[in-house]
Amino acid sequence: MYTLSQPDPIYLEIFKNLYQFIAEQMGITLQNTASSVNIKERLDFSCAIFDQQGLLVANAPHIPVHLGSMSESVKTLINDKKDTLKFGNVYLSNNPYNGGTHLPDITVITPVFLTPDSSKPIFYVASRGHQADIGGITPGSMPPYSTSITEEGILFDNCLLVEEGEFQEREIREMLTNNPYPARNPDQNIADFKAQIAANETGVKELHRMIEQYKLEMVQNYMRFVQDNAEECVKKAIDSLTDGEFTYTLDQDLQIKVRVTIDRNNRCATIDFTGTSAQASNNFNAPKAVTQAAILYVFRTLVKDNIPLNGGCLKPLHLIIPEGCLLNPIYPAAVVAGNVETSQAIVDALYGALGVLAASQGTMNNFTFGNEKYQYYETICGGSGAGSNFDGTDAVHTHMTNSRLTDPEVLEWRFPVILESFSIRDNSGGKGLHKGGNGVIRCLRFLEPMTAAILSSHRVIPPFGLNGGEPGKVGKNYVIRKVGNIEELDGIAMVKMEKEEIFVIETPGGGGYGF
């Protein structure tokens, strides 16, 4: 039996798995009902459940940068709407300054009420999906040269998506189309919003089933116990760490400086980013929620036990992220690369400070192409970093991303392109006692004119090795034109592609460890 202060260890395991099961079922519903390739095939989405205060309880193993930041979106909704939250309402948000990541990542939040007549929610469920296009100055809403949030797409800030059970299609469609840079495929946006609503409804129903079986008090108490267990596990991981610091330089000559200080008496750690570059005029600014997600991810990976990523993992951590710096920008700074690129740099900087892992490829190799009819986005795998007793892995998504690549058959069926080749980039991983993983070479042939863009890192500075290990090779981007000449591209580039031209992306390898 359990008490209010002490969980039953068997029930703790049961509830931990039940909460995660609910999030997984939400994800299955979302995948099955979504319209866009980005959500249905690439699985660029995340689902989770939250307690009455908006703290993360459990998630499915989806996208780390989503999962570590979604709680901030839920807490912002609670603070914004306060006592006006009603049964039958569903909310829509992608505001990077209120818990969002970047504008294509749309969060749908459903408050969970015990009964339709209840005055306030008992839980929350949420799903976050990367929309293929949400407006902005380029197809795919990942503009490489954006300088303000306005250029990156349409911003939703706790808008009503469903009001008292009625889907607000007219109002949402108006927001999608009546904008300086409108969405290019609002029908697909609407379809994916409905899929996220369905996913959330799955979570609501499963939570009510738990309440029927175990009663509300027990379900709520074990949410707290699961978070407390995660907190204790992170404290155990902190016990084995030592102080460290690291300076990580991005290709854009921006720096992330981090100092980790361990307090053994109180079993906590301070993560201090003082000295990091000021927010940039480009789009590599990472919203504070993204920075928090990266920290949460790193410390969760240091835990050996099988625990869900949740709000308890952050409790032993004191974060210092100066306002107005690259990792905590002020509106209206552009942020589209901060979510996908700078987040990776934060993770590698933390691993470097702790001395536990060489750098991964350190980029998501964000590739978009499209026109007014087609819009597509993908992230491309590379090499992971080596550690003290293991090699890095070839051709894998690392750290803050966990999405798939679209199956070639689906890609070529849905879009006028051909996947010419996709192979391991041999010898791109850093050498060492343990070698870094190899990157890949991906070649895409276009069958009609389109605009293509690449938003990538480690095209200038290689991913670092650790403890004498060599760095991984930098990546390359280039276009093979119809006449046969090769046009070399920077890490950030946008080009016009003609029929039969090939876009080639060679991704970085991971750093090696030891010598």
Protein backbone atom coordinates (compact mmCIF):
# COMPACT_ATOMS: atom_id res chain seq x y z
CA MET A 1 0.00 0.00 0.00
CA TYR A 2 1.05 3.61 -0.48
CA THR A 3 0.72 6.73 1.64
CA LEU A 4 0.59 10.37 0.56
CA SER A 5 4.34 10.57 1.13
CA GLN A 6 5.48 7.10 0.10
CA PRO A 7 4.59 5.26 -3.15
CA ASP A 8 4.23 1.53 -3.48
CA PRO A 9 7.19 0.48 -5.72
CA ILE A 10 5.04 -1.91 -7.75
CA TYR A 11 2.35 0.68 -8.39
CA LEU A 12 5.05 3.25 -9.17
CA GLU A 13 6.21 1.06 -12.04
CA ILE A 14 2.64 0.39 -13.15
CA PHE A 15 1.69 4.06 -13.23
CA LYS A 16 4.94 5.12 -14.87
CA ASN A 17 4.19 2.76 -17.75
CA LEU A 18 0.49 3.67 -17.86
CA TYR A 19 1.26 7.36 -18.24
CA GLN A 20 3.77 6.65 -21.00
CA PHE A 21 1.32 4.27 -22.67
CA ILE A 22 -1.26 7.06 -22.88
CA ALA A 23 1.23 9.36 -24.61
CA GLU A 24 2.16 6.58 -27.02
CA GLN A 25 -1.49 5.96 -27.88
CA MET A 26 -1.89 9.66 -28.56
CA GLY A 27 1.03 9.43 -30.97
CA ILE A 28 -0.46 6.46 -32.80
CA THR A 29 -3.72 8.36 -33.27
CA LEU A 30 -1.85 11.40 -34.58
CA GLN A 31 0.20 9.39 -37.06
CA ASN A 32 -2.84 7.52 -38.34
CA THR A 33 -5.02 10.60 -38.83
CA ALA A 34 -2.49 13.23 -40.00
CA SER A 35 -2.43 14.48 -43.58
CA SER A 36 1.06 15.86 -44.09
CA VAL A 37 4.10 13.74 -44.93
CA ASN A 38 5.99 15.59 -42.24
CA ILE A 39 3.79 14.22 -39.45
CA LYS A 40 2.47 11.00 -40.96
CA GLU A 41 5.73 9.67 -42.47
CA ARG A 42 8.59 11.56 -40.82
CA LEU A 43 6.93 11.35 -37.39
CA ASP A 44 7.98 14.89 -36.56
CA PHE A 45 5.60 15.18 -33.62
CA SER A 46 5.39 14.62 -29.88
CA CYS A 47 2.63 13.84 -27.39
CA ALA A 48 2.62 14.16 -23.61
CA ILE A 49 0.48 14.47 -20.49
CA PHE A 50 0.79 17.14 -17.79
CA ASP A 51 -0.39 17.57 -14.22
CA GLN A 52 -2.73 20.26 -12.91
CA GLN A 53 0.13 22.78 -12.69
CA GLY A 54 1.27 22.10 -16.27
CA LEU A 55 4.36 20.10 -15.29
CA LEU A 56 5.35 17.27 -17.63
CA VAL A 57 4.39 13.85 -16.26
CA ALA A 58 5.18 11.48 -19.11
CA ASN A 59 5.76 11.43 -22.82
CA ALA A 60 6.17 9.01 -25.66
CA PRO A 61 9.76 8.73 -26.98
CA HIS A 62 9.22 11.30 -29.70
CA ILE A 63 11.20 14.53 -30.34
CA PRO A 64 13.33 15.72 -27.37
CA VAL A 65 13.27 19.41 -28.31
CA HIS A 66 9.46 19.26 -28.27
CA LEU A 67 9.12 17.29 -25.07
CA GLY A 68 11.39 19.39 -22.92
CA SER A 69 9.70 22.64 -23.91
CA MET A 70 5.98 21.76 -24.14
CA SER A 71 5.47 22.19 -20.42
CA GLU A 72 6.24 25.90 -20.81
CA SER A 73 3.46 26.17 -23.41
CA VAL A 74 0.99 24.50 -21.05
CA LYS A 75 1.99 26.66 -18.10
CA THR A 76 1.68 29.78 -20.25
CA LEU A 77 -1.86 28.74 -21.21
CA ILE A 78 -2.75 28.24 -17.54
CA ASN A 79 -1.36 31.66 -16.59
CA ASP A 80 -2.95 33.36 -19.59
CA LYS A 81 -6.45 31.89 -19.33
CA LYS A 82 -6.53 31.29 -15.56
CA ASP A 83 -10.13 30.57 -14.51
CA THR A 84 -11.59 30.93 -18.02
CA LEU A 85 -10.58 27.43 -19.17
CA LYS A 86 -13.73 25.50 -20.07
CA PHE A 87 -14.74 21.94 -20.79
CA GLY A 88 -14.86 21.41 -24.56
CA ASN A 89 -12.22 24.03 -25.37
CA VAL A 90 -8.96 23.21 -27.16
CA TYR A 91 -6.14 25.71 -27.62
CA LEU A 92 -3.53 26.37 -30.31
CA SER A 93 -0.08 27.87 -29.80
CA ASN A 94 3.31 28.09 -31.48
CA ASN A 95 4.66 31.25 -29.83
CA PRO A 96 8.42 30.75 -29.28
CA TYR A 97 8.29 33.38 -26.55
CA ASN A 98 5.62 31.47 -24.62
CA GLY A 99 7.05 27.96 -24.57
CA GLY A 100 7.17 27.29 -28.30
CA THR A 101 10.20 26.22 -30.29
CA HIS A 102 9.79 27.71 -33.77
CA LEU A 103 6.65 28.58 -35.71
CA PRO A 104 6.26 25.34 -37.73
CA ASP A 105 5.97 23.40 -34.44
CA ILE A 106 2.28 23.77 -33.59
CA THR A 107 1.09 22.80 -30.10
CA VAL A 108 -2.51 21.77 -29.49
CA ILE A 109 -3.47 21.71 -25.78
CA THR A 110 -6.61 20.14 -24.31
CA PRO A 111 -7.51 20.74 -20.65
CA VAL A 112 -8.88 17.59 -18.98
CA PHE A 113 -11.90 18.04 -16.68
CA LEU A 114 -13.25 15.46 -14.26
CA THR A 115 -16.81 16.19 -15.44
CA PRO A 116 -18.31 18.67 -17.92
CA ASP A 117 -19.49 20.74 -14.94
CA SER A 118 -16.08 20.90 -13.21
CA SER A 119 -14.78 24.41 -12.59
CA LYS A 120 -11.11 23.75 -13.39
CA PRO A 121 -8.97 21.15 -15.18
CA ILE A 122 -7.41 18.22 -13.37
CA PHE A 123 -4.80 17.48 -16.07
CA TYR A 124 -3.70 18.60 -19.53
CA VAL A 125 -2.76 16.69 -22.67
CA ALA A 126 -0.86 18.18 -25.58
CA SER A 127 0.50 17.29 -28.99
CA ARG A 128 3.10 19.20 -30.96
CA GLY A 129 3.56 18.63 -34.69
CA HIS A 130 5.88 20.20 -37.23
CA GLN A 131 3.63 21.58 -39.97
CA ALA A 132 5.01 21.34 -43.52
CA ASP A 133 4.25 25.03 -44.07
CA ILE A 134 2.95 27.73 -41.77
CA GLY A 135 3.67 30.72 -44.00
CA GLY A 136 6.76 32.88 -43.98
CA ILE A 137 9.04 34.08 -46.76
CA THR A 138 9.99 30.62 -48.11
CA PRO A 139 8.06 27.40 -48.82
CA GLY A 140 8.40 25.03 -45.88
CA SER A 141 8.62 27.87 -43.33
CA MET A 142 12.33 27.31 -42.61
CA PRO A 143 13.75 30.49 -44.19
CA PRO A 144 17.54 30.47 -44.05
CA TYR A 145 17.83 34.27 -44.04
CA SER A 146 14.99 35.40 -41.76
CA THR A 147 15.80 38.28 -39.42
CA SER A 148 12.51 38.58 -37.51
CA ILE A 149 9.82 36.20 -36.29
CA THR A 150 7.33 37.81 -38.71
CA GLU A 151 9.27 36.49 -41.71
CA GLU A 152 9.10 32.92 -40.36
CA GLY A 153 5.34 32.44 -40.54
CA ILE A 154 2.08 32.80 -38.65
CA LEU A 155 2.16 33.12 -34.86
CA PHE A 156 -0.62 31.59 -32.75
CA ASP A 157 -0.72 32.48 -29.06
CA ASN A 158 -3.23 30.38 -27.09
CA CYS A 159 -5.93 30.76 -29.75
CA LEU A 160 -9.18 28.85 -29.44
CA LEU A 161 -9.06 25.93 -31.86
CA VAL A 162 -12.21 24.31 -30.46
CA GLU A 163 -14.77 26.27 -28.45
CA GLU A 164 -17.27 24.28 -26.39
CA GLY A 165 -16.90 21.34 -28.76
CA GLU A 166 -17.08 23.29 -32.04
CA PHE A 167 -14.04 23.42 -34.33
CA GLN A 168 -13.28 27.05 -35.15
CA GLU A 169 -12.41 26.46 -38.80
CA ARG A 170 -13.49 29.83 -40.17
CA GLU A 171 -11.48 31.78 -37.60
CA ILE A 172 -8.38 29.58 -37.93
CA ARG A 173 -8.50 29.63 -41.73
CA GLU A 174 -8.72 33.43 -41.58
CA MET A 175 -5.56 33.53 -39.47
CA LEU A 176 -3.77 31.19 -41.89
CA THR A 177 -4.61 33.24 -44.96
CA ASN A 178 -4.93 36.84 -43.78
CA ASN A 179 -1.25 37.40 -43.06
CA PRO A 180 1.66 39.25 -44.71
CA TYR A 181 3.20 35.82 -45.39
CA PRO A 182 0.21 33.42 -45.47
CA ALA A 183 0.25 29.64 -45.24
CA ARG A 184 0.59 28.00 -48.65
CA ASN A 185 -1.61 24.98 -47.96
CA PRO A 186 -4.24 25.88 -45.33
CA ASP A 187 -6.30 22.77 -46.12
CA GLN A 188 -3.39 20.61 -44.98
CA ASN A 189 -2.90 22.77 -41.89
CA ILE A 190 -6.56 22.32 -40.97
CA ALA A 191 -6.36 18.56 -41.51
CA ASP A 192 -3.31 18.25 -39.25
CA PHE A 193 -4.94 20.42 -36.57
CA LYS A 194 -7.87 18.01 -36.55
CA ALA A 195 -5.46 15.08 -36.24
CA GLN A 196 -3.86 16.71 -33.19
CA ILE A 197 -7.28 17.28 -31.65
CA ALA A 198 -8.02 13.58 -32.17
CA ALA A 199 -4.70 12.62 -30.59
CA ASN A 200 -5.48 14.74 -27.54
CA GLU A 201 -8.95 13.24 -27.26
CA THR A 202 -7.32 9.81 -27.10
CA GLY A 203 -5.29 11.03 -24.13
CA VAL A 204 -8.37 12.47 -22.42
CA LYS A 205 -10.28 9.20 -22.76
CA GLU A 206 -7.37 7.10 -21.48
CA LEU A 207 -6.90 9.34 -18.45
CA HIS A 208 -10.59 8.99 -17.61
CA ARG A 209 -10.22 5.20 -17.87
CA MET A 210 -7.39 5.39 -15.33
CA ILE A 211 -9.55 7.47 -13.00
CA GLU A 212 -12.39 4.95 -13.27
CA GLN A 213 -10.03 2.13 -12.34
CA TYR A 214 -7.82 3.77 -9.70
CA LYS A 215 -9.73 6.93 -8.57
CA LEU A 216 -8.61 10.51 -9.10
CA GLU A 217 -6.59 10.89 -5.90
CA MET A 218 -4.40 7.90 -6.70
CA VAL A 219 -3.82 8.98 -10.31
CA GLN A 220 -2.82 12.48 -9.15
CA ASN A 221 -0.59 11.22 -6.35
CA TYR A 222 1.31 8.87 -8.64
CA MET A 223 1.89 11.70 -11.09
CA ARG A 224 3.75 13.40 -8.26
CA PHE A 225 5.52 10.18 -7.28
CA VAL A 226 6.72 9.61 -10.86
CA GLN A 227 8.11 13.16 -10.93
CA ASP A 228 9.73 12.71 -7.50
CA ASN A 229 11.33 9.48 -8.69
CA ALA A 230 12.78 11.24 -11.74
CA GLU A 231 14.15 13.99 -9.48
CA GLU A 232 15.91 11.43 -7.28
CA CYS A 233 17.37 9.65 -10.32
CA VAL A 234 18.83 12.92 -11.65
CA LYS A 235 20.28 13.65 -8.20
CA LYS A 236 22.03 10.26 -8.29
CA ALA A 237 23.48 11.13 -11.70
CA ILE A 238 24.66 14.51 -10.38
CA ASP A 239 26.47 12.74 -7.51
CA SER A 240 28.94 11.27 -10.02
CA LEU A 241 29.61 14.49 -11.97
CA THR A 242 32.36 17.08 -11.54
CA ASP A 243 32.49 20.80 -12.28
CA GLY A 244 33.24 21.75 -15.86
CA GLU A 245 33.02 24.46 -18.46
CA PHE A 246 33.05 24.65 -22.23
CA THR A 247 33.00 27.20 -25.03
CA TYR A 248 31.30 26.12 -28.24
CA THR A 249 31.74 28.22 -31.38
CA LEU A 250 29.15 28.03 -34.16
CA ASP A 251 29.92 28.52 -37.85
CA GLN A 252 28.43 32.04 -37.59
CA ASP A 253 31.14 32.99 -35.05
CA LEU A 254 28.59 32.94 -32.24
CA GLN A 255 29.62 31.39 -28.94
CA ILE A 256 27.87 29.35 -26.29
CA LYS A 257 29.66 29.49 -22.96
CA VAL A 258 28.52 27.16 -20.21
CA ARG A 259 29.77 26.45 -16.70
CA VAL A 260 28.40 23.50 -14.72
CA THR A 261 28.88 23.67 -10.94
CA ILE A 262 28.04 20.67 -8.76
CA ASP A 263 26.75 21.17 -5.21
CA ARG A 264 27.29 17.80 -3.54
CA ASN A 265 25.80 18.81 -0.22
CA ASN A 266 22.45 19.75 -1.74
CA ARG A 267 22.73 17.25 -4.62
CA CYS A 268 22.03 19.83 -7.30
CA ALA A 269 23.79 21.50 -10.21
CA THR A 270 23.97 25.05 -11.54
CA ILE A 271 24.12 25.47 -15.31
CA ASP A 272 25.29 28.98 -16.11
CA PHE A 273 25.37 30.38 -19.66
CA THR A 274 26.78 33.79 -18.67
CA GLY A 275 29.17 34.98 -21.39
CA THR A 276 27.19 33.47 -24.25
CA SER A 277 26.87 35.71 -27.33
CA ALA A 278 24.09 38.27 -27.39
CA GLN A 279 21.01 37.46 -29.45
CA ALA A 280 21.88 37.50 -33.13
CA SER A 281 20.51 39.39 -36.11
CA ASN A 282 20.15 36.04 -37.91
CA ASN A 283 17.78 33.20 -36.93
CA PHE A 284 20.09 31.13 -34.70
CA ASN A 285 18.48 32.49 -31.54
CA ALA A 286 17.18 29.65 -29.35
CA PRO A 287 14.06 30.45 -27.28
CA LYS A 288 14.50 29.90 -23.55
CA ALA A 289 12.16 26.89 -23.70
CA VAL A 290 14.46 25.26 -26.27
CA THR A 291 17.50 25.87 -24.07
CA GLN A 292 15.64 24.32 -21.15
CA ALA A 293 14.67 21.33 -23.31
CA ALA A 294 18.32 20.75 -24.25
CA ILE A 295 19.40 20.82 -20.60
CA LEU A 296 16.57 18.48 -19.60
CA TYR A 297 17.56 16.07 -22.38
CA VAL A 298 21.24 15.98 -21.37
CA PHE A 299 20.58 15.27 -17.71
CA ARG A 300 17.95 12.67 -18.56
CA THR A 301 20.52 10.82 -20.70
CA LEU A 302 22.89 10.70 -17.72
CA VAL A 303 20.32 8.69 -15.75
CA LYS A 304 20.81 4.93 -16.01
CA ASP A 305 17.33 3.98 -14.81
CA ASN A 306 14.38 3.70 -17.17
CA ILE A 307 12.38 6.77 -16.21
CA PRO A 308 10.13 9.02 -18.28
CA LEU A 309 11.42 12.45 -19.19
CA ASN A 310 9.37 14.74 -16.95
CA GLY A 311 9.32 17.87 -14.85
CA GLY A 312 11.05 16.13 -11.95
CA CYS A 313 14.27 15.92 -13.96
CA LEU A 314 14.64 19.72 -13.82
CA LYS A 315 14.09 20.17 -10.09
CA PRO A 316 17.75 19.62 -9.02
CA LEU A 317 18.98 22.02 -11.72
CA HIS A 318 19.45 25.77 -11.28
CA LEU A 319 19.53 27.49 -14.67
CA ILE A 320 21.15 30.85 -15.42
CA ILE A 321 20.28 31.99 -18.95
CA PRO A 322 20.78 35.76 -19.32
CA GLU A 323 17.88 37.54 -20.99
CA GLY A 324 18.76 38.90 -24.42
CA CYS A 325 21.47 36.35 -25.09
CA LEU A 326 21.52 33.83 -27.94
CA LEU A 327 19.79 31.27 -25.70
CA ASN A 328 17.07 33.56 -24.32
CA PRO A 329 16.24 36.11 -27.03
CA ILE A 330 13.77 38.97 -26.85
CA TYR A 331 10.84 39.34 -29.27
CA PRO A 332 10.85 39.78 -32.29
CA ALA A 333 14.15 37.94 -32.80
CA ALA A 334 14.13 35.26 -35.52
CA VAL A 335 14.38 31.75 -34.05
CA VAL A 336 13.82 29.14 -36.76
CA ALA A 337 17.42 27.86 -36.66
CA GLY A 338 17.69 28.22 -32.90
CA ASN A 339 15.29 25.34 -32.40
CA VAL A 340 16.98 22.95 -34.83
CA GLU A 341 20.63 24.04 -34.90
CA THR A 342 21.50 25.97 -31.75
CA SER A 343 19.70 23.35 -29.65
CA GLN A 344 22.18 20.76 -30.93
CA ALA A 345 25.05 23.07 -30.04
CA ILE A 346 23.73 23.49 -26.48
CA VAL A 347 23.65 19.72 -26.02
CA ASP A 348 27.20 19.23 -27.30
CA ALA A 349 28.46 22.14 -25.19
CA LEU A 350 26.99 20.54 -22.06
CA TYR A 351 28.46 17.13 -22.89
CA GLY A 352 31.79 18.85 -23.51
CA ALA A 353 31.64 20.64 -20.15
CA LEU A 354 30.85 17.37 -18.39
CA GLY A 355 33.56 15.54 -20.37
CA VAL A 356 31.33 12.59 -21.21
CA LEU A 357 30.74 12.67 -24.98
CA ALA A 358 32.36 14.01 -28.14
CA ALA A 359 30.27 16.18 -30.43
CA SER A 360 27.67 14.65 -32.70
CA GLN A 361 27.22 15.99 -36.22
CA GLY A 362 25.74 18.99 -34.38
CA THR A 363 23.14 19.86 -36.98
CA MET A 364 19.80 18.65 -38.26
CA ASN A 365 20.72 19.52 -41.89
CA ASN A 366 17.33 21.16 -42.42
CA PHE A 367 16.40 20.78 -46.09
CA THR A 368 13.28 22.33 -47.59
CA PHE A 369 11.98 22.60 -51.11
CA GLY A 370 8.75 23.70 -52.68
CA ASN A 371 6.62 26.18 -54.56
CA GLU A 372 3.01 27.28 -54.25
CA LYS A 373 1.80 23.70 -54.83
CA TYR A 374 4.36 21.57 -52.97
CA GLN A 375 6.12 22.12 -49.64
CA TYR A 376 8.48 19.61 -48.05
CA TYR A 377 10.86 19.61 -45.10
CA GLU A 378 13.25 17.00 -43.79
CA THR A 379 16.13 16.66 -41.37
CA ILE A 380 19.03 14.45 -42.41
CA CYS A 381 21.02 12.06 -40.24
CA GLY A 382 24.77 12.10 -39.64
CA GLY A 383 27.38 10.72 -37.26
CA SER A 384 27.03 10.61 -33.49
CA GLY A 385 29.91 11.33 -31.12
CA ALA A 386 32.03 8.69 -29.41
CA GLY A 387 32.24 8.19 -25.66
CA SER A 388 34.69 6.75 -23.16
CA ASN A 389 33.71 3.15 -23.91
CA PHE A 390 31.87 3.16 -27.22
CA ASP A 391 32.16 4.27 -30.84
CA GLY A 392 29.79 6.74 -32.43
CA THR A 393 27.02 5.49 -34.70
CA ASP A 394 26.79 6.02 -38.46
CA ALA A 395 23.81 7.67 -40.17
CA VAL A 396 21.64 8.46 -37.16
CA HIS A 397 19.54 11.37 -35.93
CA THR A 398 21.05 12.60 -32.69
CA HIS A 399 20.02 14.45 -29.56
CA MET A 400 17.26 17.00 -30.07
CA THR A 401 15.77 15.36 -33.15
CA ASN A 402 14.31 11.88 -33.42
CA SER A 403 12.39 11.99 -36.68
CA ARG A 404 12.42 9.57 -39.59
CA LEU A 405 13.33 10.23 -43.19
CA THR A 406 10.40 9.81 -45.55
CA ASP A 407 10.43 6.46 -47.36
CA PRO A 408 11.73 6.99 -50.92
CA GLU A 409 8.57 5.53 -52.43
CA VAL A 410 6.37 7.96 -50.51
CA LEU A 411 8.68 10.91 -51.18
CA GLU A 412 8.70 10.26 -54.93
CA TRP A 413 4.95 9.61 -55.00
CA ARG A 414 4.00 12.80 -53.17
CA PHE A 415 6.58 15.17 -54.70
CA PRO A 416 8.21 15.67 -58.14
CA VAL A 417 11.67 14.51 -57.06
CA ILE A 418 13.81 11.37 -57.28
CA LEU A 419 16.12 10.18 -54.51
CA GLU A 420 19.17 9.65 -56.70
CA SER A 421 21.32 8.12 -53.95
CA PHE A 422 21.60 7.88 -50.17
CA SER A 423 24.78 6.38 -48.71
CA ILE A 424 27.23 6.35 -45.82
CA ARG A 425 29.92 9.03 -46.05
CA ASP A 426 32.93 6.82 -45.34
CA ASN A 427 35.72 8.07 -43.06
CA SER A 428 33.83 11.19 -42.01
CA GLY A 429 33.80 10.25 -38.31
CA GLY A 430 36.65 11.48 -36.11
CA LYS A 431 39.45 9.05 -35.30
CA GLY A 432 40.30 8.06 -31.75
CA LEU A 433 40.41 5.21 -29.28
CA HIS A 434 36.71 5.21 -30.02
CA LYS A 435 35.82 6.63 -33.44
CA GLY A 436 32.99 8.99 -34.26
CA GLY A 437 30.08 7.89 -36.41
CA ASN A 438 30.03 8.57 -40.15
CA GLY A 439 27.72 11.03 -41.86
CA VAL A 440 25.74 10.38 -45.04
CA ILE A 441 25.55 11.62 -48.63
CA ARG A 442 22.03 12.39 -49.87
CA CYS A 443 21.34 13.33 -53.51
CA LEU A 444 17.92 14.54 -54.65
CA ARG A 445 17.05 15.11 -58.32
CA PHE A 446 14.31 17.63 -59.12
CA LEU A 447 11.72 16.89 -61.80
CA GLU A 448 10.33 20.42 -62.02
CA PRO A 449 11.55 23.90 -61.05
CA MET A 450 11.40 24.67 -57.32
CA THR A 451 13.08 26.68 -54.62
CA ALA A 452 15.34 24.66 -52.31
CA ALA A 453 16.93 25.81 -49.05
CA ILE A 454 19.43 24.33 -46.62
CA LEU A 455 19.86 25.44 -43.02
CA SER A 456 22.83 23.58 -41.56
CA SER A 457 25.87 23.82 -39.29
CA HIS A 458 29.40 22.42 -39.08
CA ARG A 459 30.21 23.41 -42.63
CA VAL A 460 33.11 25.52 -41.32
CA ILE A 461 34.00 24.30 -37.81
CA PRO A 462 34.20 20.50 -37.39
CA PRO A 463 32.39 18.63 -34.57
CA PHE A 464 34.88 18.42 -31.72
CA GLY A 465 36.64 15.30 -30.47
CA LEU A 466 37.16 14.75 -26.75
CA ASN A 467 40.13 13.67 -24.63
CA GLY A 468 42.47 13.48 -27.61
CA GLY A 469 39.94 12.20 -30.13
CA GLU A 470 39.93 13.85 -33.55
CA PRO A 471 37.05 15.98 -34.82
CA GLY A 472 34.55 14.72 -37.36
CA LYS A 473 34.60 16.04 -40.91
CA VAL A 474 32.61 19.13 -41.77
CA GLY A 475 29.56 18.78 -43.99
CA LYS A 476 29.12 19.99 -47.57
CA ASN A 477 26.22 21.32 -49.63
CA TYR A 478 26.27 21.72 -53.41
CA VAL A 479 24.15 21.59 -56.54
CA ILE A 480 24.97 19.67 -59.72
CA ARG A 481 23.58 21.86 -62.48
CA LYS A 482 22.16 20.60 -65.78
CA VAL A 483 25.28 21.64 -67.67
CA GLY A 484 27.39 19.50 -65.33
CA ASN A 485 29.09 22.18 -63.28
CA ILE A 486 29.01 22.04 -59.47
CA GLU A 487 27.76 25.04 -57.50
CA GLU A 488 29.19 25.01 -53.98
CA LEU A 489 26.84 26.29 -51.28
CA ASP A 490 27.36 27.66 -47.79
CA GLY A 491 25.85 26.03 -44.73
CA ILE A 492 22.93 28.43 -45.08
CA ALA A 493 21.71 28.78 -48.65
CA MET A 494 18.67 29.13 -50.88
CA VAL A 495 18.76 28.28 -54.60
CA LYS A 496 16.49 27.92 -57.60
CA MET A 497 16.45 24.34 -58.85
CA GLU A 498 15.66 23.54 -62.48
CA LYS A 499 14.38 20.25 -63.86
CA GLU A 500 17.02 17.44 -63.72
CA GLU A 501 19.33 19.34 -61.35
CA ILE A 502 20.61 17.54 -58.23
CA PHE A 503 20.93 18.91 -54.70
CA VAL A 504 23.65 17.09 -52.71
CA ILE A 505 24.04 17.17 -48.92
CA GLU A 506 27.05 15.54 -47.23
CA THR A 507 26.46 15.52 -43.48
CA PRO A 508 29.17 15.82 -40.79
CA GLY A 509 30.68 12.94 -38.87
CA GLY A 510 30.79 12.72 -35.09
CA GLY A 511 33.88 13.46 -33.02
CA GLY A 512 36.22 10.73 -31.78
CA TYR A 513 37.06 10.03 -28.12
CA GLY A 514 40.48 9.27 -26.63
CA PHE A 515 43.76 8.40 -28.31
